[in-house]
Amino acid sequence: MESFEEKLQRLEKLTVDIKKTDISLEDALKAFEEGIKLASGMEKELDKIEGKIQILMNEPEPMEKDNPPTLDLFSDDSEVNGTRR
């Protein structure tokens, strides 16, 4: 599996290749398609990383083996400050 940095280098190379004046339209299209797929996958990776960072930043205590990160995405919104709405 390629690392994020390797994918970024590939995307940069594709960008340079597309800008060449001697590239055929067919080759430019292939490079563009590959670049779009690569960029989309990288965006998903970044979204996952951002989610993990948000979880870690919102933890009240440093993460340890006995204190794994938790998600409050599915908490009961009908209860606020110990009282029901």
Protein backbone atom coordinates (compact mmCIF):
# COMPACT_ATOMS: atom_id res chain seq x y z
CA MET A 1 0.00 0.00 0.00
CA GLU A 2 1.30 3.42 -0.91
CA SER A 3 1.78 6.00 1.81
CA PHE A 4 -0.01 9.33 1.68
CA GLU A 5 3.27 11.01 0.76
CA GLU A 6 3.81 8.60 -2.15
CA LYS A 7 0.31 9.29 -3.41
CA LEU A 8 0.94 13.03 -3.18
CA GLN A 9 4.17 12.67 -5.19
CA ARG A 10 2.29 10.69 -7.85
CA LEU A 11 -0.41 13.36 -8.01
CA GLU A 12 2.24 16.06 -8.42
CA LYS A 13 3.89 14.09 -11.23
CA LEU A 14 0.55 13.67 -13.00
CA THR A 15 -0.01 17.42 -12.73
CA VAL A 16 3.37 18.14 -14.30
CA ASP A 17 2.74 15.60 -17.06
CA ILE A 18 -0.64 17.10 -17.96
CA LYS A 19 0.92 20.56 -18.30
CA LYS A 20 3.45 19.37 -20.89
CA THR A 21 2.83 20.75 -24.35
CA ASP A 22 3.85 17.54 -26.11
CA ILE A 23 1.40 15.22 -24.30
CA SER A 24 -1.32 13.63 -26.40
CA LEU A 25 -4.93 14.31 -25.55
CA GLU A 26 -5.45 10.62 -24.77
CA ASP A 27 -2.49 10.51 -22.36
CA ALA A 28 -3.59 13.76 -20.72
CA LEU A 29 -7.07 12.34 -20.20
CA LYS A 30 -5.66 9.14 -18.65
CA ALA A 31 -3.44 11.17 -16.32
CA PHE A 32 -6.37 13.41 -15.41
CA GLU A 33 -8.61 10.42 -14.59
CA GLU A 34 -5.90 8.84 -12.46
CA GLY A 35 -5.33 12.15 -10.69
CA ILE A 36 -9.02 12.58 -9.91
CA LYS A 37 -9.25 9.07 -8.43
CA LEU A 38 -6.07 9.59 -6.45
CA ALA A 39 -7.20 12.97 -5.11
CA SER A 40 -10.59 11.57 -4.10
CA GLY A 41 -8.99 8.72 -2.16
CA MET A 42 -6.56 11.11 -0.48
CA GLU A 43 -9.43 13.39 0.52
CA LYS A 44 -11.15 10.45 2.23
CA GLU A 45 -7.92 9.62 4.07
CA LEU A 46 -7.63 13.22 5.26
CA ASP A 47 -11.24 13.19 6.46
CA LYS A 48 -10.53 10.06 8.54
CA ILE A 49 -7.41 11.63 10.01
CA GLU A 50 -9.29 14.83 10.82
CA GLY A 51 -11.98 12.81 12.59
CA LYS A 52 -9.39 11.03 14.71
CA ILE A 53 -7.74 14.34 15.61
CA GLN A 54 -11.10 15.82 16.62
CA ILE A 55 -11.78 12.84 18.89
CA LEU A 56 -8.36 13.12 20.50
CA MET A 57 -8.63 16.89 20.94
CA ASN A 58 -11.99 16.55 22.71
CA GLU A 59 -10.82 13.93 25.23
CA PRO A 60 -10.77 15.32 28.79
CA GLU A 61 -7.76 13.17 29.75
CA PRO A 62 -4.79 11.97 27.74
CA MET A 63 -5.49 8.76 25.87
CA GLU A 64 -4.10 5.65 27.55
CA LYS A 65 -4.83 1.94 27.34
CA ASP A 66 -7.47 2.22 30.07
CA ASN A 67 -8.90 5.48 28.64
CA PRO A 68 -9.70 4.86 24.93
CA PRO A 69 -11.31 7.70 22.92
CA THR A 70 -15.10 7.74 22.93
CA LEU A 71 -17.64 9.09 20.48
CA ASP A 72 -20.61 11.09 21.68
CA LEU A 73 -22.31 10.90 18.30
CA PHE A 74 -25.16 8.75 19.56
CA SER A 75 -25.80 10.36 22.93
CA ASP A 76 -29.38 10.95 24.05
CA ASP A 77 -30.12 14.61 23.21
CA SER A 78 -33.35 14.51 25.19
CA GLU A 79 -31.41 14.68 28.44
CA VAL A 80 -29.56 17.90 29.28
CA ASN A 81 -27.81 18.48 32.63
CA GLY A 82 -29.45 15.40 34.13
CA THR A 83 -33.01 16.51 33.31
CA ARG A 84 -35.33 15.30 30.60
CA ARG A 85 -36.77 17.74 28.07
